[in-house]
Amino acid sequence: NGITATNINQMLADVLTKVLGTQV
């Protein structure tokens, strides 16, 4: 809940997509 109360999960997901690319 602490994670979802912020935008962390989206930020980490954005980092992941930058590493893997916008299409995987």
mmCIF file of all heavy atoms, coordinates in Angstrom:
data_MODEL
# 
_entry.id   MODEL 
# 
loop_
_atom_site.group_PDB 
_atom_site.id 
_atom_site.type_symbol 
_atom_site.label_atom_id 
_atom_site.label_alt_id 
_atom_site.label_comp_id 
_atom_site.label_asym_id 
_atom_site.label_entity_id 
_atom_site.label_seq_id 
_atom_site.pdbx_PDB_ins_code 
_atom_site.Cartn_x 
_atom_site.Cartn_y 
_atom_site.Cartn_z 
_atom_site.occupancy 
_atom_site.B_iso_or_equiv 
_atom_site.pdbx_formal_charge 
_atom_site.auth_seq_id 
_atom_site.auth_comp_id 
_atom_site.auth_asym_id 
_atom_site.auth_atom_id 
_atom_site.pdbx_PDB_model_num 
ATOM 1   N N   . ASN A 1 1  ? 0.826  -1.205 0.000   1.00 0.00 ? 1  ASN A N   1 
ATOM 2   C CA  . ASN A 1 1  ? 0.000  0.000  0.000   1.00 0.00 ? 1  ASN A CA  1 
ATOM 3   C C   . ASN A 1 1  ? 0.860  1.254  0.000   1.00 0.00 ? 1  ASN A C   1 
ATOM 4   O O   . ASN A 1 1  ? 0.520  2.263  -0.628  1.00 0.00 ? 1  ASN A O   1 
ATOM 5   C CB  . ASN A 1 1  ? -0.934 0.005  1.216   1.00 0.00 ? 1  ASN A CB  1 
ATOM 6   C CG  . ASN A 1 1  ? -2.058 -0.996 1.092   1.00 0.00 ? 1  ASN A CG  1 
ATOM 7   O OD1 . ASN A 1 1  ? -2.368 -1.447 -0.010  1.00 0.00 ? 1  ASN A OD1 1 
ATOM 8   N ND2 . ASN A 1 1  ? -2.665 -1.354 2.204   1.00 0.00 ? 1  ASN A ND2 1 
ATOM 9   N N   . GLY A 1 2  ? 1.988  1.197  0.743   1.00 0.00 ? 2  GLY A N   1 
ATOM 10  C CA  . GLY A 1 2  ? 2.901  2.328  0.758   1.00 0.00 ? 2  GLY A CA  1 
ATOM 11  C C   . GLY A 1 2  ? 3.482  2.595  -0.618  1.00 0.00 ? 2  GLY A C   1 
ATOM 12  O O   . GLY A 1 2  ? 3.689  3.751  -1.015  1.00 0.00 ? 2  GLY A O   1 
ATOM 13  N N   . ILE A 1 3  ? 3.745  1.510  -1.352  1.00 0.00 ? 3  ILE A N   1 
ATOM 14  C CA  . ILE A 1 3  ? 4.271  1.657  -2.716  1.00 0.00 ? 3  ILE A CA  1 
ATOM 15  C C   . ILE A 1 3  ? 3.208  2.238  -3.641  1.00 0.00 ? 3  ILE A C   1 
ATOM 16  O O   . ILE A 1 3  ? 3.466  3.166  -4.408  1.00 0.00 ? 3  ILE A O   1 
ATOM 17  C CB  . ILE A 1 3  ? 4.755  0.292  -3.243  1.00 0.00 ? 3  ILE A CB  1 
ATOM 18  C CG1 . ILE A 1 3  ? 5.979  -0.174 -2.442  1.00 0.00 ? 3  ILE A CG1 1 
ATOM 19  C CG2 . ILE A 1 3  ? 5.099  0.367  -4.729  1.00 0.00 ? 3  ILE A CG2 1 
ATOM 20  C CD1 . ILE A 1 3  ? 6.417  -1.580 -2.769  1.00 0.00 ? 3  ILE A CD1 1 
ATOM 21  N N   . THR A 1 4  ? 1.998  1.694  -3.556  1.00 0.00 ? 4  THR A N   1 
ATOM 22  C CA  . THR A 1 4  ? 0.938  2.131  -4.464  1.00 0.00 ? 4  THR A CA  1 
ATOM 23  C C   . THR A 1 4  ? 0.418  3.528  -4.109  1.00 0.00 ? 4  THR A C   1 
ATOM 24  O O   . THR A 1 4  ? -0.195 4.192  -4.953  1.00 0.00 ? 4  THR A O   1 
ATOM 25  C CB  . THR A 1 4  ? -0.243 1.137  -4.445  1.00 0.00 ? 4  THR A CB  1 
ATOM 26  O OG1 . THR A 1 4  ? -0.680 0.949  -3.092  1.00 0.00 ? 4  THR A OG1 1 
ATOM 27  C CG2 . THR A 1 4  ? 0.171  -0.198 -5.025  1.00 0.00 ? 4  THR A CG2 1 
ATOM 28  N N   . ALA A 1 5  ? 0.641  3.970  -2.850  1.00 0.00 ? 5  ALA A N   1 
ATOM 29  C CA  . ALA A 1 5  ? 0.225  5.326  -2.473  1.00 0.00 ? 5  ALA A CA  1 
ATOM 30  C C   . ALA A 1 5  ? 1.065  6.374  -3.192  1.00 0.00 ? 5  ALA A C   1 
ATOM 31  O O   . ALA A 1 5  ? 0.659  7.533  -3.322  1.00 0.00 ? 5  ALA A O   1 
ATOM 32  C CB  . ALA A 1 5  ? 0.342  5.510  -0.958  1.00 0.00 ? 5  ALA A CB  1 
ATOM 33  N N   . THR A 1 6  ? 2.234  5.981  -3.652  1.00 0.00 ? 6  THR A N   1 
ATOM 34  C CA  . THR A 1 6  ? 3.085  6.858  -4.459  1.00 0.00 ? 6  THR A CA  1 
ATOM 35  C C   . THR A 1 6  ? 3.042  6.363  -5.907  1.00 0.00 ? 6  THR A C   1 
ATOM 36  O O   . THR A 1 6  ? 2.199  5.583  -6.279  1.00 0.00 ? 6  THR A O   1 
ATOM 37  C CB  . THR A 1 6  ? 4.531  6.828  -3.935  1.00 0.00 ? 6  THR A CB  1 
ATOM 38  O OG1 . THR A 1 6  ? 5.058  5.506  -4.109  1.00 0.00 ? 6  THR A OG1 1 
ATOM 39  C CG2 . THR A 1 6  ? 4.587  7.184  -2.464  1.00 0.00 ? 6  THR A CG2 1 
ATOM 40  N N   . ASN A 1 7  ? 3.984  6.803  -6.678  1.00 0.00 ? 7  ASN A N   1 
ATOM 41  C CA  . ASN A 1 7  ? 4.030  6.404  -8.090  1.00 0.00 ? 7  ASN A CA  1 
ATOM 42  C C   . ASN A 1 7  ? 5.234  5.497  -8.355  1.00 0.00 ? 7  ASN A C   1 
ATOM 43  O O   . ASN A 1 7  ? 5.715  5.405  -9.484  1.00 0.00 ? 7  ASN A O   1 
ATOM 44  C CB  . ASN A 1 7  ? 4.102  7.660  -8.973  1.00 0.00 ? 7  ASN A CB  1 
ATOM 45  C CG  . ASN A 1 7  ? 3.613  7.392  -10.381 1.00 0.00 ? 7  ASN A CG  1 
ATOM 46  O OD1 . ASN A 1 7  ? 2.722  6.565  -10.591 1.00 0.00 ? 7  ASN A OD1 1 
ATOM 47  N ND2 . ASN A 1 7  ? 4.204  8.078  -11.355 1.00 0.00 ? 7  ASN A ND2 1 
ATOM 48  N N   . ILE A 1 8  ? 5.723  4.819  -7.285  1.00 0.00 ? 8  ILE A N   1 
ATOM 49  C CA  . ILE A 1 8  ? 6.962  4.050  -7.409  1.00 0.00 ? 8  ILE A CA  1 
ATOM 50  C C   . ILE A 1 8  ? 6.833  2.918  -8.408  1.00 0.00 ? 8  ILE A C   1 
ATOM 51  O O   . ILE A 1 8  ? 7.712  2.720  -9.256  1.00 0.00 ? 8  ILE A O   1 
ATOM 52  C CB  . ILE A 1 8  ? 7.382  3.457  -6.046  1.00 0.00 ? 8  ILE A CB  1 
ATOM 53  C CG1 . ILE A 1 8  ? 7.803  4.564  -5.108  1.00 0.00 ? 8  ILE A CG1 1 
ATOM 54  C CG2 . ILE A 1 8  ? 8.545  2.500  -6.212  1.00 0.00 ? 8  ILE A CG2 1 
ATOM 55  C CD1 . ILE A 1 8  ? 8.191  4.065  -3.756  1.00 0.00 ? 8  ILE A CD1 1 
ATOM 56  N N   . ASN A 1 9  ? 5.754  2.144  -8.270  1.00 0.00 ? 9  ASN A N   1 
ATOM 57  C CA  . ASN A 1 9  ? 5.627  0.987  -9.150  1.00 0.00 ? 9  ASN A CA  1 
ATOM 58  C C   . ASN A 1 9  ? 5.632  1.397  -10.613 1.00 0.00 ? 9  ASN A C   1 
ATOM 59  O O   . ASN A 1 9  ? 6.185  0.719  -11.472 1.00 0.00 ? 9  ASN A O   1 
ATOM 60  C CB  . ASN A 1 9  ? 4.366  0.191  -8.811  1.00 0.00 ? 9  ASN A CB  1 
ATOM 61  C CG  . ASN A 1 9  ? 3.096  0.996  -8.978  1.00 0.00 ? 9  ASN A CG  1 
ATOM 62  O OD1 . ASN A 1 9  ? 2.920  1.998  -8.296  1.00 0.00 ? 9  ASN A OD1 1 
ATOM 63  N ND2 . ASN A 1 9  ? 2.218  0.560  -9.855  1.00 0.00 ? 9  ASN A ND2 1 
ATOM 64  N N   . GLN A 1 10 ? 5.020  2.562  -10.894 1.00 0.00 ? 10 GLN A N   1 
ATOM 65  C CA  . GLN A 1 10 ? 5.013  3.049  -12.277 1.00 0.00 ? 10 GLN A CA  1 
ATOM 66  C C   . GLN A 1 10 ? 6.414  3.505  -12.687 1.00 0.00 ? 10 GLN A C   1 
ATOM 67  O O   . GLN A 1 10 ? 6.848  3.255  -13.820 1.00 0.00 ? 10 GLN A O   1 
ATOM 68  C CB  . GLN A 1 10 ? 4.022  4.198  -12.413 1.00 0.00 ? 10 GLN A CB  1 
ATOM 69  C CG  . GLN A 1 10 ? 3.608  4.525  -13.840 1.00 0.00 ? 10 GLN A CG  1 
ATOM 70  C CD  . GLN A 1 10 ? 2.906  3.379  -14.514 1.00 0.00 ? 10 GLN A CD  1 
ATOM 71  O OE1 . GLN A 1 10 ? 2.016  2.785  -13.947 1.00 0.00 ? 10 GLN A OE1 1 
ATOM 72  N NE2 . GLN A 1 10 ? 3.352  3.030  -15.712 1.00 0.00 ? 10 GLN A NE2 1 
ATOM 73  N N   . MET A 1 11 ? 7.125  4.143  -11.744 1.00 0.00 ? 11 MET A N   1 
ATOM 74  C CA  . MET A 1 11 ? 8.491  4.592  -12.036 1.00 0.00 ? 11 MET A CA  1 
ATOM 75  C C   . MET A 1 11 ? 9.406  3.412  -12.329 1.00 0.00 ? 11 MET A C   1 
ATOM 76  O O   . MET A 1 11 ? 10.178 3.426  -13.296 1.00 0.00 ? 11 MET A O   1 
ATOM 77  C CB  . MET A 1 11 ? 9.038  5.399  -10.846 1.00 0.00 ? 11 MET A CB  1 
ATOM 78  C CG  . MET A 1 11 ? 8.385  6.754  -10.638 1.00 0.00 ? 11 MET A CG  1 
ATOM 79  S SD  . MET A 1 11 ? 8.848  7.501  -9.043  1.00 0.00 ? 11 MET A SD  1 
ATOM 80  C CE  . MET A 1 11 ? 10.635 7.483  -9.153  1.00 0.00 ? 11 MET A CE  1 
ATOM 81  N N   . LEU A 1 12 ? 9.321  2.377  -11.492 1.00 0.00 ? 12 LEU A N   1 
ATOM 82  C CA  . LEU A 1 12 ? 10.164 1.194  -11.695 1.00 0.00 ? 12 LEU A CA  1 
ATOM 83  C C   . LEU A 1 12 ? 9.785  0.472  -12.984 1.00 0.00 ? 12 LEU A C   1 
ATOM 84  O O   . LEU A 1 12 ? 10.647 -0.051 -13.689 1.00 0.00 ? 12 LEU A O   1 
ATOM 85  C CB  . LEU A 1 12 ? 10.038 0.256  -10.496 1.00 0.00 ? 12 LEU A CB  1 
ATOM 86  C CG  . LEU A 1 12 ? 10.589 0.783  -9.172  1.00 0.00 ? 12 LEU A CG  1 
ATOM 87  C CD1 . LEU A 1 12 ? 10.292 -0.185 -8.042  1.00 0.00 ? 12 LEU A CD1 1 
ATOM 88  C CD2 . LEU A 1 12 ? 12.092 1.030  -9.273  1.00 0.00 ? 12 LEU A CD2 1 
ATOM 89  N N   . ALA A 1 13 ? 8.495  0.448  -13.264 1.00 0.00 ? 13 ALA A N   1 
ATOM 90  C CA  . ALA A 1 13 ? 8.052  -0.154 -14.521 1.00 0.00 ? 13 ALA A CA  1 
ATOM 91  C C   . ALA A 1 13 ? 8.590  0.632  -15.711 1.00 0.00 ? 13 ALA A C   1 
ATOM 92  O O   . ALA A 1 13 ? 8.976  0.048  -16.735 1.00 0.00 ? 13 ALA A O   1 
ATOM 93  C CB  . ALA A 1 13 ? 6.528  -0.219 -14.568 1.00 0.00 ? 13 ALA A CB  1 
ATOM 94  N N   . ASP A 1 14 ? 8.626  1.973  -15.586 1.00 0.00 ? 14 ASP A N   1 
ATOM 95  C CA  . ASP A 1 14 ? 9.184  2.808  -16.660 1.00 0.00 ? 14 ASP A CA  1 
ATOM 96  C C   . ASP A 1 14 ? 10.662 2.507  -16.870 1.00 0.00 ? 14 ASP A C   1 
ATOM 97  O O   . ASP A 1 14 ? 11.145 2.440  -18.011 1.00 0.00 ? 14 ASP A O   1 
ATOM 98  C CB  . ASP A 1 14 ? 9.006  4.290  -16.323 1.00 0.00 ? 14 ASP A CB  1 
ATOM 99  C CG  . ASP A 1 14 ? 7.559  4.735  -16.432 1.00 0.00 ? 14 ASP A CG  1 
ATOM 100 O OD1 . ASP A 1 14 ? 6.788  4.042  -17.132 1.00 0.00 ? 14 ASP A OD1 1 
ATOM 101 O OD2 . ASP A 1 14 ? 7.195  5.757  -15.817 1.00 0.00 ? 14 ASP A OD2 1 
ATOM 102 N N   . VAL A 1 15 ? 11.400 2.316  -15.754 1.00 0.00 ? 15 VAL A N   1 
ATOM 103 C CA  . VAL A 1 15 ? 12.821 1.963  -15.855 1.00 0.00 ? 15 VAL A CA  1 
ATOM 104 C C   . VAL A 1 15 ? 12.977 0.629  -16.576 1.00 0.00 ? 15 VAL A C   1 
ATOM 105 O O   . VAL A 1 15 ? 13.843 0.466  -17.451 1.00 0.00 ? 15 VAL A O   1 
ATOM 106 C CB  . VAL A 1 15 ? 13.459 1.896  -14.449 1.00 0.00 ? 15 VAL A CB  1 
ATOM 107 C CG1 . VAL A 1 15 ? 14.874 1.327  -14.538 1.00 0.00 ? 15 VAL A CG1 1 
ATOM 108 C CG2 . VAL A 1 15 ? 13.479 3.267  -13.802 1.00 0.00 ? 15 VAL A CG2 1 
ATOM 109 N N   . LEU A 1 16 ? 12.123 -0.323 -16.211 1.00 0.00 ? 16 LEU A N   1 
ATOM 110 C CA  . LEU A 1 16 ? 12.178 -1.643 -16.839 1.00 0.00 ? 16 LEU A CA  1 
ATOM 111 C C   . LEU A 1 16 ? 11.916 -1.557 -18.338 1.00 0.00 ? 16 LEU A C   1 
ATOM 112 O O   . LEU A 1 16 ? 12.607 -2.191 -19.147 1.00 0.00 ? 16 LEU A O   1 
ATOM 113 C CB  . LEU A 1 16 ? 11.157 -2.571 -16.178 1.00 0.00 ? 16 LEU A CB  1 
ATOM 114 C CG  . LEU A 1 16 ? 11.124 -4.025 -16.665 1.00 0.00 ? 16 LEU A CG  1 
ATOM 115 C CD1 . LEU A 1 16 ? 12.448 -4.715 -16.369 1.00 0.00 ? 16 LEU A CD1 1 
ATOM 116 C CD2 . LEU A 1 16 ? 9.982  -4.794 -15.992 1.00 0.00 ? 16 LEU A CD2 1 
ATOM 117 N N   . THR A 1 17 ? 10.935 -0.747 -18.708 1.00 0.00 ? 17 THR A N   1 
ATOM 118 C CA  . THR A 1 17 ? 10.615 -0.620 -20.137 1.00 0.00 ? 17 THR A CA  1 
ATOM 119 C C   . THR A 1 17 ? 11.723 0.105  -20.895 1.00 0.00 ? 17 THR A C   1 
ATOM 120 O O   . THR A 1 17 ? 11.928 -0.153 -22.094 1.00 0.00 ? 17 THR A O   1 
ATOM 121 C CB  . THR A 1 17 ? 9.285  0.127  -20.334 1.00 0.00 ? 17 THR A CB  1 
ATOM 122 O OG1 . THR A 1 17 ? 9.334  1.382  -19.644 1.00 0.00 ? 17 THR A OG1 1 
ATOM 123 C CG2 . THR A 1 17 ? 8.125  -0.683 -19.800 1.00 0.00 ? 17 THR A CG2 1 
ATOM 124 N N   . LYS A 1 18 ? 12.434 0.999  -20.214 1.00 0.00 ? 18 LYS A N   1 
ATOM 125 C CA  . LYS A 1 18 ? 13.571 1.660  -20.882 1.00 0.00 ? 18 LYS A CA  1 
ATOM 126 C C   . LYS A 1 18 ? 14.695 0.667  -21.153 1.00 0.00 ? 18 LYS A C   1 
ATOM 127 O O   . LYS A 1 18 ? 15.383 0.734  -22.163 1.00 0.00 ? 18 LYS A O   1 
ATOM 128 C CB  . LYS A 1 18 ? 14.076 2.813  -20.008 1.00 0.00 ? 18 LYS A CB  1 
ATOM 129 C CG  . LYS A 1 18 ? 13.179 4.034  -20.034 1.00 0.00 ? 18 LYS A CG  1 
ATOM 130 C CD  . LYS A 1 18 ? 13.746 5.153  -19.174 1.00 0.00 ? 18 LYS A CD  1 
ATOM 131 C CE  . LYS A 1 18 ? 12.811 6.361  -19.180 1.00 0.00 ? 18 LYS A CE  1 
ATOM 132 N NZ  . LYS A 1 18 ? 13.318 7.454  -18.309 1.00 0.00 ? 18 LYS A NZ  1 
ATOM 133 N N   . VAL A 1 19 ? 14.886 -0.266 -20.196 1.00 0.00 ? 19 VAL A N   1 
ATOM 134 C CA  . VAL A 1 19 ? 15.923 -1.284 -20.371 1.00 0.00 ? 19 VAL A CA  1 
ATOM 135 C C   . VAL A 1 19 ? 15.533 -2.272 -21.470 1.00 0.00 ? 19 VAL A C   1 
ATOM 136 O O   . VAL A 1 19 ? 16.350 -2.635 -22.328 1.00 0.00 ? 19 VAL A O   1 
ATOM 137 C CB  . VAL A 1 19 ? 16.168 -2.034 -19.047 1.00 0.00 ? 19 VAL A CB  1 
ATOM 138 C CG1 . VAL A 1 19 ? 17.130 -3.205 -19.262 1.00 0.00 ? 19 VAL A CG1 1 
ATOM 139 C CG2 . VAL A 1 19 ? 16.715 -1.086 -17.989 1.00 0.00 ? 19 VAL A CG2 1 
ATOM 140 N N   . LEU A 1 20 ? 14.273 -2.701 -21.438 1.00 0.00 ? 20 LEU A N   1 
ATOM 141 C CA  . LEU A 1 20 ? 13.809 -3.710 -22.405 1.00 0.00 ? 20 LEU A CA  1 
ATOM 142 C C   . LEU A 1 20 ? 13.328 -3.107 -23.717 1.00 0.00 ? 20 LEU A C   1 
ATOM 143 O O   . LEU A 1 20 ? 13.220 -3.825 -24.718 1.00 0.00 ? 20 LEU A O   1 
ATOM 144 C CB  . LEU A 1 20 ? 12.672 -4.537 -21.783 1.00 0.00 ? 20 LEU A CB  1 
ATOM 145 C CG  . LEU A 1 20 ? 13.017 -5.353 -20.535 1.00 0.00 ? 20 LEU A CG  1 
ATOM 146 C CD1 . LEU A 1 20 ? 11.770 -6.052 -20.007 1.00 0.00 ? 20 LEU A CD1 1 
ATOM 147 C CD2 . LEU A 1 20 ? 14.110 -6.375 -20.842 1.00 0.00 ? 20 LEU A CD2 1 
ATOM 148 N N   . GLY A 1 21 ? 13.015 -1.802 -23.688 1.00 0.00 ? 21 GLY A N   1 
ATOM 149 C CA  . GLY A 1 21 ? 12.449 -1.177 -24.880 1.00 0.00 ? 21 GLY A CA  1 
ATOM 150 C C   . GLY A 1 21 ? 10.947 -1.040 -24.751 1.00 0.00 ? 21 GLY A C   1 
ATOM 151 O O   . GLY A 1 21 ? 10.314 -1.649 -23.888 1.00 0.00 ? 21 GLY A O   1 
ATOM 152 N N   . THR A 1 22 ? 10.366 -0.244 -25.606 1.00 0.00 ? 22 THR A N   1 
ATOM 153 C CA  . THR A 1 22 ? 8.923  -0.007 -25.552 1.00 0.00 ? 22 THR A CA  1 
ATOM 154 C C   . THR A 1 22 ? 8.131  -1.186 -26.086 1.00 0.00 ? 22 THR A C   1 
ATOM 155 O O   . THR A 1 22 ? 6.934  -1.295 -25.830 1.00 0.00 ? 22 THR A O   1 
ATOM 156 C CB  . THR A 1 22 ? 8.565  1.253  -26.356 1.00 0.00 ? 22 THR A CB  1 
ATOM 157 O OG1 . THR A 1 22 ? 9.084  1.110  -27.695 1.00 0.00 ? 22 THR A OG1 1 
ATOM 158 C CG2 . THR A 1 22 ? 9.160  2.491  -25.720 1.00 0.00 ? 22 THR A CG2 1 
ATOM 159 N N   . GLN A 1 23 ? 8.787  -2.057 -26.816 1.00 0.00 ? 23 GLN A N   1 
ATOM 160 C CA  . GLN A 1 23 ? 8.121  -3.258 -27.330 1.00 0.00 ? 23 GLN A CA  1 
ATOM 161 C C   . GLN A 1 23 ? 8.947  -4.468 -26.912 1.00 0.00 ? 23 GLN A C   1 
ATOM 162 O O   . GLN A 1 23 ? 10.160 -4.506 -27.127 1.00 0.00 ? 23 GLN A O   1 
ATOM 163 C CB  . GLN A 1 23 ? 8.048  -3.202 -28.858 1.00 0.00 ? 23 GLN A CB  1 
ATOM 164 C CG  . GLN A 1 23 ? 7.322  -1.987 -29.373 1.00 0.00 ? 23 GLN A CG  1 
ATOM 165 C CD  . GLN A 1 23 ? 5.984  -2.342 -30.012 1.00 0.00 ? 23 GLN A CD  1 
ATOM 166 O OE1 . GLN A 1 23 ? 5.781  -3.453 -30.423 1.00 0.00 ? 23 GLN A OE1 1 
ATOM 167 N NE2 . GLN A 1 23 ? 5.094  -1.383 -30.070 1.00 0.00 ? 23 GLN A NE2 1 
ATOM 168 N N   . VAL A 1 24 ? 8.288  -5.418 -26.304 1.00 0.00 ? 24 VAL A N   1 
ATOM 169 C CA  . VAL A 1 24 ? 8.993  -6.619 -25.863 1.00 0.00 ? 24 VAL A CA  1 
ATOM 170 C C   . VAL A 1 24 ? 8.098  -7.828 -26.105 1.00 0.00 ? 24 VAL A C   1 
ATOM 171 O O   . VAL A 1 24 ? 6.869  -7.751 -25.991 1.00 0.00 ? 24 VAL A O   1 
ATOM 172 C CB  . VAL A 1 24 ? 9.378  -6.524 -24.363 1.00 0.00 ? 24 VAL A CB  1 
ATOM 173 C CG1 . VAL A 1 24 ? 8.153  -6.469 -23.488 1.00 0.00 ? 24 VAL A CG1 1 
ATOM 174 C CG2 . VAL A 1 24 ? 10.271 -7.675 -23.957 1.00 0.00 ? 24 VAL A CG2 1 
# 
